[in-house]
PDBML (XML) file of the C-alpha atoms, coordinates in Angstrom:
<?xml version="1.0" encoding="UTF-8" ?>
<PDBx:datablock datablockName="MODEL"
   xmlns:PDBx="http://pdbml.pdb.org/schema/pdbx-v50.xsd"
   xmlns:xsi="http://www.w3.org/2001/XMLSchema-instance"
   xsi:schemaLocation="http://pdbml.pdb.org/schema/pdbx-v50.xsd pdbx-v50.xsd">
   <PDBx:atom_siteCategory>
      <PDBx:atom_site id="1">
         <PDBx:B_iso_or_equiv>0.00</PDBx:B_iso_or_equiv>
         <PDBx:Cartn_x>66.138</PDBx:Cartn_x>
         <PDBx:Cartn_y>14.482</PDBx:Cartn_y>
         <PDBx:Cartn_z>156.058</PDBx:Cartn_z>
         <PDBx:auth_asym_id>A</PDBx:auth_asym_id>
         <PDBx:auth_atom_id>CA</PDBx:auth_atom_id>
         <PDBx:auth_comp_id>VAL</PDBx:auth_comp_id>
         <PDBx:auth_seq_id>1</PDBx:auth_seq_id>
         <PDBx:group_PDB>ATOM</PDBx:group_PDB>
         <PDBx:label_alt_id xsi:nil="true" />
         <PDBx:label_asym_id>A</PDBx:label_asym_id>
         <PDBx:label_atom_id>CA</PDBx:label_atom_id>
         <PDBx:label_comp_id>VAL</PDBx:label_comp_id>
         <PDBx:label_entity_id>1</PDBx:label_entity_id>
         <PDBx:label_seq_id>1</PDBx:label_seq_id>
         <PDBx:occupancy>1.00</PDBx:occupancy>
         <PDBx:pdbx_PDB_model_num>1</PDBx:pdbx_PDB_model_num>
         <PDBx:type_symbol>C</PDBx:type_symbol>
      </PDBx:atom_site>
      <PDBx:atom_site id="2">
         <PDBx:B_iso_or_equiv>0.00</PDBx:B_iso_or_equiv>
         <PDBx:Cartn_x>63.741</PDBx:Cartn_x>
         <PDBx:Cartn_y>13.503</PDBx:Cartn_y>
         <PDBx:Cartn_z>153.262</PDBx:Cartn_z>
         <PDBx:auth_asym_id>A</PDBx:auth_asym_id>
         <PDBx:auth_atom_id>CA</PDBx:auth_atom_id>
         <PDBx:auth_comp_id>LEU</PDBx:auth_comp_id>
         <PDBx:auth_seq_id>2</PDBx:auth_seq_id>
         <PDBx:group_PDB>ATOM</PDBx:group_PDB>
         <PDBx:label_alt_id xsi:nil="true" />
         <PDBx:label_asym_id>A</PDBx:label_asym_id>
         <PDBx:label_atom_id>CA</PDBx:label_atom_id>
         <PDBx:label_comp_id>LEU</PDBx:label_comp_id>
         <PDBx:label_entity_id>1</PDBx:label_entity_id>
         <PDBx:label_seq_id>2</PDBx:label_seq_id>
         <PDBx:occupancy>1.00</PDBx:occupancy>
         <PDBx:pdbx_PDB_model_num>1</PDBx:pdbx_PDB_model_num>
         <PDBx:type_symbol>C</PDBx:type_symbol>
      </PDBx:atom_site>
      <PDBx:atom_site id="3">
         <PDBx:B_iso_or_equiv>0.00</PDBx:B_iso_or_equiv>
         <PDBx:Cartn_x>60.519</PDBx:Cartn_x>
         <PDBx:Cartn_y>14.872</PDBx:Cartn_y>
         <PDBx:Cartn_z>151.899</PDBx:Cartn_z>
         <PDBx:auth_asym_id>A</PDBx:auth_asym_id>
         <PDBx:auth_atom_id>CA</PDBx:auth_atom_id>
         <PDBx:auth_comp_id>GLU</PDBx:auth_comp_id>
         <PDBx:auth_seq_id>3</PDBx:auth_seq_id>
         <PDBx:group_PDB>ATOM</PDBx:group_PDB>
         <PDBx:label_alt_id xsi:nil="true" />
         <PDBx:label_asym_id>A</PDBx:label_asym_id>
         <PDBx:label_atom_id>CA</PDBx:label_atom_id>
         <PDBx:label_comp_id>GLU</PDBx:label_comp_id>
         <PDBx:label_entity_id>1</PDBx:label_entity_id>
         <PDBx:label_seq_id>3</PDBx:label_seq_id>
         <PDBx:occupancy>1.00</PDBx:occupancy>
         <PDBx:pdbx_PDB_model_num>1</PDBx:pdbx_PDB_model_num>
         <PDBx:type_symbol>C</PDBx:type_symbol>
      </PDBx:atom_site>
      <PDBx:atom_site id="4">
         <PDBx:B_iso_or_equiv>0.00</PDBx:B_iso_or_equiv>
         <PDBx:Cartn_x>58.301</PDBx:Cartn_x>
         <PDBx:Cartn_y>12.071</PDBx:Cartn_y>
         <PDBx:Cartn_z>150.594</PDBx:Cartn_z>
         <PDBx:auth_asym_id>A</PDBx:auth_asym_id>
         <PDBx:auth_atom_id>CA</PDBx:auth_atom_id>
         <PDBx:auth_comp_id>VAL</PDBx:auth_comp_id>
         <PDBx:auth_seq_id>4</PDBx:auth_seq_id>
         <PDBx:group_PDB>ATOM</PDBx:group_PDB>
         <PDBx:label_alt_id xsi:nil="true" />
         <PDBx:label_asym_id>A</PDBx:label_asym_id>
         <PDBx:label_atom_id>CA</PDBx:label_atom_id>
         <PDBx:label_comp_id>VAL</PDBx:label_comp_id>
         <PDBx:label_entity_id>1</PDBx:label_entity_id>
         <PDBx:label_seq_id>4</PDBx:label_seq_id>
         <PDBx:occupancy>1.00</PDBx:occupancy>
         <PDBx:pdbx_PDB_model_num>1</PDBx:pdbx_PDB_model_num>
         <PDBx:type_symbol>C</PDBx:type_symbol>
      </PDBx:atom_site>
      <PDBx:atom_site id="5">
         <PDBx:B_iso_or_equiv>0.00</PDBx:B_iso_or_equiv>
         <PDBx:Cartn_x>55.437</PDBx:Cartn_x>
         <PDBx:Cartn_y>12.911</PDBx:Cartn_y>
         <PDBx:Cartn_z>148.224</PDBx:Cartn_z>
         <PDBx:auth_asym_id>A</PDBx:auth_asym_id>
         <PDBx:auth_atom_id>CA</PDBx:auth_atom_id>
         <PDBx:auth_comp_id>GLU</PDBx:auth_comp_id>
         <PDBx:auth_seq_id>5</PDBx:auth_seq_id>
         <PDBx:group_PDB>ATOM</PDBx:group_PDB>
         <PDBx:label_alt_id xsi:nil="true" />
         <PDBx:label_asym_id>A</PDBx:label_asym_id>
         <PDBx:label_atom_id>CA</PDBx:label_atom_id>
         <PDBx:label_comp_id>GLU</PDBx:label_comp_id>
         <PDBx:label_entity_id>1</PDBx:label_entity_id>
         <PDBx:label_seq_id>5</PDBx:label_seq_id>
         <PDBx:occupancy>1.00</PDBx:occupancy>
         <PDBx:pdbx_PDB_model_num>1</PDBx:pdbx_PDB_model_num>
         <PDBx:type_symbol>C</PDBx:type_symbol>
      </PDBx:atom_site>
      <PDBx:atom_site id="6">
         <PDBx:B_iso_or_equiv>0.00</PDBx:B_iso_or_equiv>
         <PDBx:Cartn_x>52.996</PDBx:Cartn_x>
         <PDBx:Cartn_y>11.100</PDBx:Cartn_y>
         <PDBx:Cartn_z>145.939</PDBx:Cartn_z>
         <PDBx:auth_asym_id>A</PDBx:auth_asym_id>
         <PDBx:auth_atom_id>CA</PDBx:auth_atom_id>
         <PDBx:auth_comp_id>ALA</PDBx:auth_comp_id>
         <PDBx:auth_seq_id>6</PDBx:auth_seq_id>
         <PDBx:group_PDB>ATOM</PDBx:group_PDB>
         <PDBx:label_alt_id xsi:nil="true" />
         <PDBx:label_asym_id>A</PDBx:label_asym_id>
         <PDBx:label_atom_id>CA</PDBx:label_atom_id>
         <PDBx:label_comp_id>ALA</PDBx:label_comp_id>
         <PDBx:label_entity_id>1</PDBx:label_entity_id>
         <PDBx:label_seq_id>6</PDBx:label_seq_id>
         <PDBx:occupancy>1.00</PDBx:occupancy>
         <PDBx:pdbx_PDB_model_num>1</PDBx:pdbx_PDB_model_num>
         <PDBx:type_symbol>C</PDBx:type_symbol>
      </PDBx:atom_site>
      <PDBx:atom_site id="7">
         <PDBx:B_iso_or_equiv>0.00</PDBx:B_iso_or_equiv>
         <PDBx:Cartn_x>53.452</PDBx:Cartn_x>
         <PDBx:Cartn_y>10.931</PDBx:Cartn_y>
         <PDBx:Cartn_z>142.168</PDBx:Cartn_z>
         <PDBx:auth_asym_id>A</PDBx:auth_asym_id>
         <PDBx:auth_atom_id>CA</PDBx:auth_atom_id>
         <PDBx:auth_comp_id>LEU</PDBx:auth_comp_id>
         <PDBx:auth_seq_id>7</PDBx:auth_seq_id>
         <PDBx:group_PDB>ATOM</PDBx:group_PDB>
         <PDBx:label_alt_id xsi:nil="true" />
         <PDBx:label_asym_id>A</PDBx:label_asym_id>
         <PDBx:label_atom_id>CA</PDBx:label_atom_id>
         <PDBx:label_comp_id>LEU</PDBx:label_comp_id>
         <PDBx:label_entity_id>1</PDBx:label_entity_id>
         <PDBx:label_seq_id>7</PDBx:label_seq_id>
         <PDBx:occupancy>1.00</PDBx:occupancy>
         <PDBx:pdbx_PDB_model_num>1</PDBx:pdbx_PDB_model_num>
         <PDBx:type_symbol>C</PDBx:type_symbol>
      </PDBx:atom_site>
      <PDBx:atom_site id="8">
         <PDBx:B_iso_or_equiv>0.00</PDBx:B_iso_or_equiv>
         <PDBx:Cartn_x>50.857</PDBx:Cartn_x>
         <PDBx:Cartn_y>10.104</PDBx:Cartn_y>
         <PDBx:Cartn_z>139.471</PDBx:Cartn_z>
         <PDBx:auth_asym_id>A</PDBx:auth_asym_id>
         <PDBx:auth_atom_id>CA</PDBx:auth_atom_id>
         <PDBx:auth_comp_id>PRO</PDBx:auth_comp_id>
         <PDBx:auth_seq_id>8</PDBx:auth_seq_id>
         <PDBx:group_PDB>ATOM</PDBx:group_PDB>
         <PDBx:label_alt_id xsi:nil="true" />
         <PDBx:label_asym_id>A</PDBx:label_asym_id>
         <PDBx:label_atom_id>CA</PDBx:label_atom_id>
         <PDBx:label_comp_id>PRO</PDBx:label_comp_id>
         <PDBx:label_entity_id>1</PDBx:label_entity_id>
         <PDBx:label_seq_id>8</PDBx:label_seq_id>
         <PDBx:occupancy>1.00</PDBx:occupancy>
         <PDBx:pdbx_PDB_model_num>1</PDBx:pdbx_PDB_model_num>
         <PDBx:type_symbol>C</PDBx:type_symbol>
      </PDBx:atom_site>
      <PDBx:atom_site id="9">
         <PDBx:B_iso_or_equiv>0.00</PDBx:B_iso_or_equiv>
         <PDBx:Cartn_x>50.241</PDBx:Cartn_x>
         <PDBx:Cartn_y>6.409</PDBx:Cartn_y>
         <PDBx:Cartn_z>138.777</PDBx:Cartn_z>
         <PDBx:auth_asym_id>A</PDBx:auth_asym_id>
         <PDBx:auth_atom_id>CA</PDBx:auth_atom_id>
         <PDBx:auth_comp_id>SER</PDBx:auth_comp_id>
         <PDBx:auth_seq_id>9</PDBx:auth_seq_id>
         <PDBx:group_PDB>ATOM</PDBx:group_PDB>
         <PDBx:label_alt_id xsi:nil="true" />
         <PDBx:label_asym_id>A</PDBx:label_asym_id>
         <PDBx:label_atom_id>CA</PDBx:label_atom_id>
         <PDBx:label_comp_id>SER</PDBx:label_comp_id>
         <PDBx:label_entity_id>1</PDBx:label_entity_id>
         <PDBx:label_seq_id>9</PDBx:label_seq_id>
         <PDBx:occupancy>1.00</PDBx:occupancy>
         <PDBx:pdbx_PDB_model_num>1</PDBx:pdbx_PDB_model_num>
         <PDBx:type_symbol>C</PDBx:type_symbol>
      </PDBx:atom_site>
      <PDBx:atom_site id="10">
         <PDBx:B_iso_or_equiv>0.00</PDBx:B_iso_or_equiv>
         <PDBx:Cartn_x>52.921</PDBx:Cartn_x>
         <PDBx:Cartn_y>4.817</PDBx:Cartn_y>
         <PDBx:Cartn_z>136.615</PDBx:Cartn_z>
         <PDBx:auth_asym_id>A</PDBx:auth_asym_id>
         <PDBx:auth_atom_id>CA</PDBx:auth_atom_id>
         <PDBx:auth_comp_id>GLY</PDBx:auth_comp_id>
         <PDBx:auth_seq_id>10</PDBx:auth_seq_id>
         <PDBx:group_PDB>ATOM</PDBx:group_PDB>
         <PDBx:label_alt_id xsi:nil="true" />
         <PDBx:label_asym_id>A</PDBx:label_asym_id>
         <PDBx:label_atom_id>CA</PDBx:label_atom_id>
         <PDBx:label_comp_id>GLY</PDBx:label_comp_id>
         <PDBx:label_entity_id>1</PDBx:label_entity_id>
         <PDBx:label_seq_id>10</PDBx:label_seq_id>
         <PDBx:occupancy>1.00</PDBx:occupancy>
         <PDBx:pdbx_PDB_model_num>1</PDBx:pdbx_PDB_model_num>
         <PDBx:type_symbol>C</PDBx:type_symbol>
      </PDBx:atom_site>
      <PDBx:atom_site id="11">
         <PDBx:B_iso_or_equiv>0.00</PDBx:B_iso_or_equiv>
         <PDBx:Cartn_x>55.619</PDBx:Cartn_x>
         <PDBx:Cartn_y>7.394</PDBx:Cartn_y>
         <PDBx:Cartn_z>137.461</PDBx:Cartn_z>
         <PDBx:auth_asym_id>A</PDBx:auth_asym_id>
         <PDBx:auth_atom_id>CA</PDBx:auth_atom_id>
         <PDBx:auth_comp_id>SER</PDBx:auth_comp_id>
         <PDBx:auth_seq_id>11</PDBx:auth_seq_id>
         <PDBx:group_PDB>ATOM</PDBx:group_PDB>
         <PDBx:label_alt_id xsi:nil="true" />
         <PDBx:label_asym_id>A</PDBx:label_asym_id>
         <PDBx:label_atom_id>CA</PDBx:label_atom_id>
         <PDBx:label_comp_id>SER</PDBx:label_comp_id>
         <PDBx:label_entity_id>1</PDBx:label_entity_id>
         <PDBx:label_seq_id>11</PDBx:label_seq_id>
         <PDBx:occupancy>1.00</PDBx:occupancy>
         <PDBx:pdbx_PDB_model_num>1</PDBx:pdbx_PDB_model_num>
         <PDBx:type_symbol>C</PDBx:type_symbol>
      </PDBx:atom_site>
      <PDBx:atom_site id="12">
         <PDBx:B_iso_or_equiv>0.00</PDBx:B_iso_or_equiv>
         <PDBx:Cartn_x>57.887</PDBx:Cartn_x>
         <PDBx:Cartn_y>4.989</PDBx:Cartn_y>
         <PDBx:Cartn_z>139.321</PDBx:Cartn_z>
         <PDBx:auth_asym_id>A</PDBx:auth_asym_id>
         <PDBx:auth_atom_id>CA</PDBx:auth_atom_id>
         <PDBx:auth_comp_id>GLY</PDBx:auth_comp_id>
         <PDBx:auth_seq_id>12</PDBx:auth_seq_id>
         <PDBx:group_PDB>ATOM</PDBx:group_PDB>
         <PDBx:label_alt_id xsi:nil="true" />
         <PDBx:label_asym_id>A</PDBx:label_asym_id>
         <PDBx:label_atom_id>CA</PDBx:label_atom_id>
         <PDBx:label_comp_id>GLY</PDBx:label_comp_id>
         <PDBx:label_entity_id>1</PDBx:label_entity_id>
         <PDBx:label_seq_id>12</PDBx:label_seq_id>
         <PDBx:occupancy>1.00</PDBx:occupancy>
         <PDBx:pdbx_PDB_model_num>1</PDBx:pdbx_PDB_model_num>
         <PDBx:type_symbol>C</PDBx:type_symbol>
      </PDBx:atom_site>
      <PDBx:atom_site id="13">
         <PDBx:B_iso_or_equiv>0.00</PDBx:B_iso_or_equiv>
         <PDBx:Cartn_x>60.188</PDBx:Cartn_x>
         <PDBx:Cartn_y>6.299</PDBx:Cartn_y>
         <PDBx:Cartn_z>142.063</PDBx:Cartn_z>
         <PDBx:auth_asym_id>A</PDBx:auth_asym_id>
         <PDBx:auth_atom_id>CA</PDBx:auth_atom_id>
         <PDBx:auth_comp_id>VAL</PDBx:auth_comp_id>
         <PDBx:auth_seq_id>13</PDBx:auth_seq_id>
         <PDBx:group_PDB>ATOM</PDBx:group_PDB>
         <PDBx:label_alt_id xsi:nil="true" />
         <PDBx:label_asym_id>A</PDBx:label_asym_id>
         <PDBx:label_atom_id>CA</PDBx:label_atom_id>
         <PDBx:label_comp_id>VAL</PDBx:label_comp_id>
         <PDBx:label_entity_id>1</PDBx:label_entity_id>
         <PDBx:label_seq_id>13</PDBx:label_seq_id>
         <PDBx:occupancy>1.00</PDBx:occupancy>
         <PDBx:pdbx_PDB_model_num>1</PDBx:pdbx_PDB_model_num>
         <PDBx:type_symbol>C</PDBx:type_symbol>
      </PDBx:atom_site>
      <PDBx:atom_site id="14">
         <PDBx:B_iso_or_equiv>0.00</PDBx:B_iso_or_equiv>
         <PDBx:Cartn_x>62.120</PDBx:Cartn_x>
         <PDBx:Cartn_y>9.536</PDBx:Cartn_y>
         <PDBx:Cartn_z>141.737</PDBx:Cartn_z>
         <PDBx:auth_asym_id>A</PDBx:auth_asym_id>
         <PDBx:auth_atom_id>CA</PDBx:auth_atom_id>
         <PDBx:auth_comp_id>GLU</PDBx:auth_comp_id>
         <PDBx:auth_seq_id>14</PDBx:auth_seq_id>
         <PDBx:group_PDB>ATOM</PDBx:group_PDB>
         <PDBx:label_alt_id xsi:nil="true" />
         <PDBx:label_asym_id>A</PDBx:label_asym_id>
         <PDBx:label_atom_id>CA</PDBx:label_atom_id>
         <PDBx:label_comp_id>GLU</PDBx:label_comp_id>
         <PDBx:label_entity_id>1</PDBx:label_entity_id>
         <PDBx:label_seq_id>14</PDBx:label_seq_id>
         <PDBx:occupancy>1.00</PDBx:occupancy>
         <PDBx:pdbx_PDB_model_num>1</PDBx:pdbx_PDB_model_num>
         <PDBx:type_symbol>C</PDBx:type_symbol>
      </PDBx:atom_site>
      <PDBx:atom_site id="15">
         <PDBx:B_iso_or_equiv>0.00</PDBx:B_iso_or_equiv>
         <PDBx:Cartn_x>65.086</PDBx:Cartn_x>
         <PDBx:Cartn_y>10.753</PDBx:Cartn_y>
         <PDBx:Cartn_z>143.782</PDBx:Cartn_z>
         <PDBx:auth_asym_id>A</PDBx:auth_asym_id>
         <PDBx:auth_atom_id>CA</PDBx:auth_atom_id>
         <PDBx:auth_comp_id>PHE</PDBx:auth_comp_id>
         <PDBx:auth_seq_id>15</PDBx:auth_seq_id>
         <PDBx:group_PDB>ATOM</PDBx:group_PDB>
         <PDBx:label_alt_id xsi:nil="true" />
         <PDBx:label_asym_id>A</PDBx:label_asym_id>
         <PDBx:label_atom_id>CA</PDBx:label_atom_id>
         <PDBx:label_comp_id>PHE</PDBx:label_comp_id>
         <PDBx:label_entity_id>1</PDBx:label_entity_id>
         <PDBx:label_seq_id>15</PDBx:label_seq_id>
         <PDBx:occupancy>1.00</PDBx:occupancy>
         <PDBx:pdbx_PDB_model_num>1</PDBx:pdbx_PDB_model_num>
         <PDBx:type_symbol>C</PDBx:type_symbol>
      </PDBx:atom_site>
      <PDBx:atom_site id="16">
         <PDBx:B_iso_or_equiv>0.00</PDBx:B_iso_or_equiv>
         <PDBx:Cartn_x>65.747</PDBx:Cartn_x>
         <PDBx:Cartn_y>14.504</PDBx:Cartn_y>
         <PDBx:Cartn_z>143.902</PDBx:Cartn_z>
         <PDBx:auth_asym_id>A</PDBx:auth_asym_id>
         <PDBx:auth_atom_id>CA</PDBx:auth_atom_id>
         <PDBx:auth_comp_id>VAL</PDBx:auth_comp_id>
         <PDBx:auth_seq_id>16</PDBx:auth_seq_id>
         <PDBx:group_PDB>ATOM</PDBx:group_PDB>
         <PDBx:label_alt_id xsi:nil="true" />
         <PDBx:label_asym_id>A</PDBx:label_asym_id>
         <PDBx:label_atom_id>CA</PDBx:label_atom_id>
         <PDBx:label_comp_id>VAL</PDBx:label_comp_id>
         <PDBx:label_entity_id>1</PDBx:label_entity_id>
         <PDBx:label_seq_id>16</PDBx:label_seq_id>
         <PDBx:occupancy>1.00</PDBx:occupancy>
         <PDBx:pdbx_PDB_model_num>1</PDBx:pdbx_PDB_model_num>
         <PDBx:type_symbol>C</PDBx:type_symbol>
      </PDBx:atom_site>
      <PDBx:atom_site id="17">
         <PDBx:B_iso_or_equiv>0.00</PDBx:B_iso_or_equiv>
         <PDBx:Cartn_x>68.790</PDBx:Cartn_x>
         <PDBx:Cartn_y>16.129</PDBx:Cartn_y>
         <PDBx:Cartn_z>145.498</PDBx:Cartn_z>
         <PDBx:auth_asym_id>A</PDBx:auth_asym_id>
         <PDBx:auth_atom_id>CA</PDBx:auth_atom_id>
         <PDBx:auth_comp_id>ASP</PDBx:auth_comp_id>
         <PDBx:auth_seq_id>17</PDBx:auth_seq_id>
         <PDBx:group_PDB>ATOM</PDBx:group_PDB>
         <PDBx:label_alt_id xsi:nil="true" />
         <PDBx:label_asym_id>A</PDBx:label_asym_id>
         <PDBx:label_atom_id>CA</PDBx:label_atom_id>
         <PDBx:label_comp_id>ASP</PDBx:label_comp_id>
         <PDBx:label_entity_id>1</PDBx:label_entity_id>
         <PDBx:label_seq_id>17</PDBx:label_seq_id>
         <PDBx:occupancy>1.00</PDBx:occupancy>
         <PDBx:pdbx_PDB_model_num>1</PDBx:pdbx_PDB_model_num>
         <PDBx:type_symbol>C</PDBx:type_symbol>
      </PDBx:atom_site>
      <PDBx:atom_site id="18">
         <PDBx:B_iso_or_equiv>0.00</PDBx:B_iso_or_equiv>
         <PDBx:Cartn_x>67.986</PDBx:Cartn_x>
         <PDBx:Cartn_y>19.558</PDBx:Cartn_y>
         <PDBx:Cartn_z>147.005</PDBx:Cartn_z>
         <PDBx:auth_asym_id>A</PDBx:auth_asym_id>
         <PDBx:auth_atom_id>CA</PDBx:auth_atom_id>
         <PDBx:auth_comp_id>LYS</PDBx:auth_comp_id>
         <PDBx:auth_seq_id>18</PDBx:auth_seq_id>
         <PDBx:group_PDB>ATOM</PDBx:group_PDB>
         <PDBx:label_alt_id xsi:nil="true" />
         <PDBx:label_asym_id>A</PDBx:label_asym_id>
         <PDBx:label_atom_id>CA</PDBx:label_atom_id>
         <PDBx:label_comp_id>LYS</PDBx:label_comp_id>
         <PDBx:label_entity_id>1</PDBx:label_entity_id>
         <PDBx:label_seq_id>18</PDBx:label_seq_id>
         <PDBx:occupancy>1.00</PDBx:occupancy>
         <PDBx:pdbx_PDB_model_num>1</PDBx:pdbx_PDB_model_num>
         <PDBx:type_symbol>C</PDBx:type_symbol>
      </PDBx:atom_site>
      <PDBx:atom_site id="19">
         <PDBx:B_iso_or_equiv>0.00</PDBx:B_iso_or_equiv>
         <PDBx:Cartn_x>70.762</PDBx:Cartn_x>
         <PDBx:Cartn_y>19.706</PDBx:Cartn_y>
         <PDBx:Cartn_z>149.574</PDBx:Cartn_z>
         <PDBx:auth_asym_id>A</PDBx:auth_asym_id>
         <PDBx:auth_atom_id>CA</PDBx:auth_atom_id>
         <PDBx:auth_comp_id>VAL</PDBx:auth_comp_id>
         <PDBx:auth_seq_id>19</PDBx:auth_seq_id>
         <PDBx:group_PDB>ATOM</PDBx:group_PDB>
         <PDBx:label_alt_id xsi:nil="true" />
         <PDBx:label_asym_id>A</PDBx:label_asym_id>
         <PDBx:label_atom_id>CA</PDBx:label_atom_id>
         <PDBx:label_comp_id>VAL</PDBx:label_comp_id>
         <PDBx:label_entity_id>1</PDBx:label_entity_id>
         <PDBx:label_seq_id>19</PDBx:label_seq_id>
         <PDBx:occupancy>1.00</PDBx:occupancy>
         <PDBx:pdbx_PDB_model_num>1</PDBx:pdbx_PDB_model_num>
         <PDBx:type_symbol>C</PDBx:type_symbol>
      </PDBx:atom_site>
      <PDBx:atom_site id="20">
         <PDBx:B_iso_or_equiv>0.00</PDBx:B_iso_or_equiv>
         <PDBx:Cartn_x>72.335</PDBx:Cartn_x>
         <PDBx:Cartn_y>23.162</PDBx:Cartn_y>
         <PDBx:Cartn_z>149.983</PDBx:Cartn_z>
         <PDBx:auth_asym_id>A</PDBx:auth_asym_id>
         <PDBx:auth_atom_id>CA</PDBx:auth_atom_id>
         <PDBx:auth_comp_id>VAL</PDBx:auth_comp_id>
         <PDBx:auth_seq_id>20</PDBx:auth_seq_id>
         <PDBx:group_PDB>ATOM</PDBx:group_PDB>
         <PDBx:label_alt_id xsi:nil="true" />
         <PDBx:label_asym_id>A</PDBx:label_asym_id>
         <PDBx:label_atom_id>CA</PDBx:label_atom_id>
         <PDBx:label_comp_id>VAL</PDBx:label_comp_id>
         <PDBx:label_entity_id>1</PDBx:label_entity_id>
         <PDBx:label_seq_id>20</PDBx:label_seq_id>
         <PDBx:occupancy>1.00</PDBx:occupancy>
         <PDBx:pdbx_PDB_model_num>1</PDBx:pdbx_PDB_model_num>
         <PDBx:type_symbol>C</PDBx:type_symbol>
      </PDBx:atom_site>
      <PDBx:atom_site id="21">
         <PDBx:B_iso_or_equiv>0.00</PDBx:B_iso_or_equiv>
         <PDBx:Cartn_x>75.292</PDBx:Cartn_x>
         <PDBx:Cartn_y>24.281</PDBx:Cartn_y>
         <PDBx:Cartn_z>152.009</PDBx:Cartn_z>
         <PDBx:auth_asym_id>A</PDBx:auth_asym_id>
         <PDBx:auth_atom_id>CA</PDBx:auth_atom_id>
         <PDBx:auth_comp_id>GLY</PDBx:auth_comp_id>
         <PDBx:auth_seq_id>21</PDBx:auth_seq_id>
         <PDBx:group_PDB>ATOM</PDBx:group_PDB>
         <PDBx:label_alt_id xsi:nil="true" />
         <PDBx:label_asym_id>A</PDBx:label_asym_id>
         <PDBx:label_atom_id>CA</PDBx:label_atom_id>
         <PDBx:label_comp_id>GLY</PDBx:label_comp_id>
         <PDBx:label_entity_id>1</PDBx:label_entity_id>
         <PDBx:label_seq_id>21</PDBx:label_seq_id>
         <PDBx:occupancy>1.00</PDBx:occupancy>
         <PDBx:pdbx_PDB_model_num>1</PDBx:pdbx_PDB_model_num>
         <PDBx:type_symbol>C</PDBx:type_symbol>
      </PDBx:atom_site>
      <PDBx:atom_site id="22">
         <PDBx:B_iso_or_equiv>0.00</PDBx:B_iso_or_equiv>
         <PDBx:Cartn_x>77.006</PDBx:Cartn_x>
         <PDBx:Cartn_y>20.892</PDBx:Cartn_y>
         <PDBx:Cartn_z>152.136</PDBx:Cartn_z>
         <PDBx:auth_asym_id>A</PDBx:auth_asym_id>
         <PDBx:auth_atom_id>CA</PDBx:auth_atom_id>
         <PDBx:auth_comp_id>GLY</PDBx:auth_comp_id>
         <PDBx:auth_seq_id>22</PDBx:auth_seq_id>
         <PDBx:group_PDB>ATOM</PDBx:group_PDB>
         <PDBx:label_alt_id xsi:nil="true" />
         <PDBx:label_asym_id>A</PDBx:label_asym_id>
         <PDBx:label_atom_id>CA</PDBx:label_atom_id>
         <PDBx:label_comp_id>GLY</PDBx:label_comp_id>
         <PDBx:label_entity_id>1</PDBx:label_entity_id>
         <PDBx:label_seq_id>22</PDBx:label_seq_id>
         <PDBx:occupancy>1.00</PDBx:occupancy>
         <PDBx:pdbx_PDB_model_num>1</PDBx:pdbx_PDB_model_num>
         <PDBx:type_symbol>C</PDBx:type_symbol>
      </PDBx:atom_site>
      <PDBx:atom_site id="23">
         <PDBx:B_iso_or_equiv>0.00</PDBx:B_iso_or_equiv>
         <PDBx:Cartn_x>74.946</PDBx:Cartn_x>
         <PDBx:Cartn_y>19.499</PDBx:Cartn_y>
         <PDBx:Cartn_z>155.028</PDBx:Cartn_z>
         <PDBx:auth_asym_id>A</PDBx:auth_asym_id>
         <PDBx:auth_atom_id>CA</PDBx:auth_atom_id>
         <PDBx:auth_comp_id>SER</PDBx:auth_comp_id>
         <PDBx:auth_seq_id>23</PDBx:auth_seq_id>
         <PDBx:group_PDB>ATOM</PDBx:group_PDB>
         <PDBx:label_alt_id xsi:nil="true" />
         <PDBx:label_asym_id>A</PDBx:label_asym_id>
         <PDBx:label_atom_id>CA</PDBx:label_atom_id>
         <PDBx:label_comp_id>SER</PDBx:label_comp_id>
         <PDBx:label_entity_id>1</PDBx:label_entity_id>
         <PDBx:label_seq_id>23</PDBx:label_seq_id>
         <PDBx:occupancy>1.00</PDBx:occupancy>
         <PDBx:pdbx_PDB_model_num>1</PDBx:pdbx_PDB_model_num>
         <PDBx:type_symbol>C</PDBx:type_symbol>
      </PDBx:atom_site>
      <PDBx:atom_site id="24">
         <PDBx:B_iso_or_equiv>0.00</PDBx:B_iso_or_equiv>
         <PDBx:Cartn_x>75.318</PDBx:Cartn_x>
         <PDBx:Cartn_y>16.147</PDBx:Cartn_y>
         <PDBx:Cartn_z>153.223</PDBx:Cartn_z>
         <PDBx:auth_asym_id>A</PDBx:auth_asym_id>
         <PDBx:auth_atom_id>CA</PDBx:auth_atom_id>
         <PDBx:auth_comp_id>VAL</PDBx:auth_comp_id>
         <PDBx:auth_seq_id>24</PDBx:auth_seq_id>
         <PDBx:group_PDB>ATOM</PDBx:group_PDB>
         <PDBx:label_alt_id xsi:nil="true" />
         <PDBx:label_asym_id>A</PDBx:label_asym_id>
         <PDBx:label_atom_id>CA</PDBx:label_atom_id>
         <PDBx:label_comp_id>VAL</PDBx:label_comp_id>
         <PDBx:label_entity_id>1</PDBx:label_entity_id>
         <PDBx:label_seq_id>24</PDBx:label_seq_id>
         <PDBx:occupancy>1.00</PDBx:occupancy>
         <PDBx:pdbx_PDB_model_num>1</PDBx:pdbx_PDB_model_num>
         <PDBx:type_symbol>C</PDBx:type_symbol>
      </PDBx:atom_site>
      <PDBx:atom_site id="25">
         <PDBx:B_iso_or_equiv>0.00</PDBx:B_iso_or_equiv>
         <PDBx:Cartn_x>78.653</PDBx:Cartn_x>
         <PDBx:Cartn_y>15.993</PDBx:Cartn_y>
         <PDBx:Cartn_z>151.354</PDBx:Cartn_z>
         <PDBx:auth_asym_id>A</PDBx:auth_asym_id>
         <PDBx:auth_atom_id>CA</PDBx:auth_atom_id>
         <PDBx:auth_comp_id>PRO</PDBx:auth_comp_id>
         <PDBx:auth_seq_id>25</PDBx:auth_seq_id>
         <PDBx:group_PDB>ATOM</PDBx:group_PDB>
         <PDBx:label_alt_id xsi:nil="true" />
         <PDBx:label_asym_id>A</PDBx:label_asym_id>
         <PDBx:label_atom_id>CA</PDBx:label_atom_id>
         <PDBx:label_comp_id>PRO</PDBx:label_comp_id>
         <PDBx:label_entity_id>1</PDBx:label_entity_id>
         <PDBx:label_seq_id>25</PDBx:label_seq_id>
         <PDBx:occupancy>1.00</PDBx:occupancy>
         <PDBx:pdbx_PDB_model_num>1</PDBx:pdbx_PDB_model_num>
         <PDBx:type_symbol>C</PDBx:type_symbol>
      </PDBx:atom_site>
   </PDBx:atom_siteCategory>
</PDBx:datablock>
């Protein structure tokens, strides 16, 4: 399950891990 959101121009692509409780090991 992902949340996708816009970033300001020139920011590139960011990946953020906010998994809690080990739902994804």
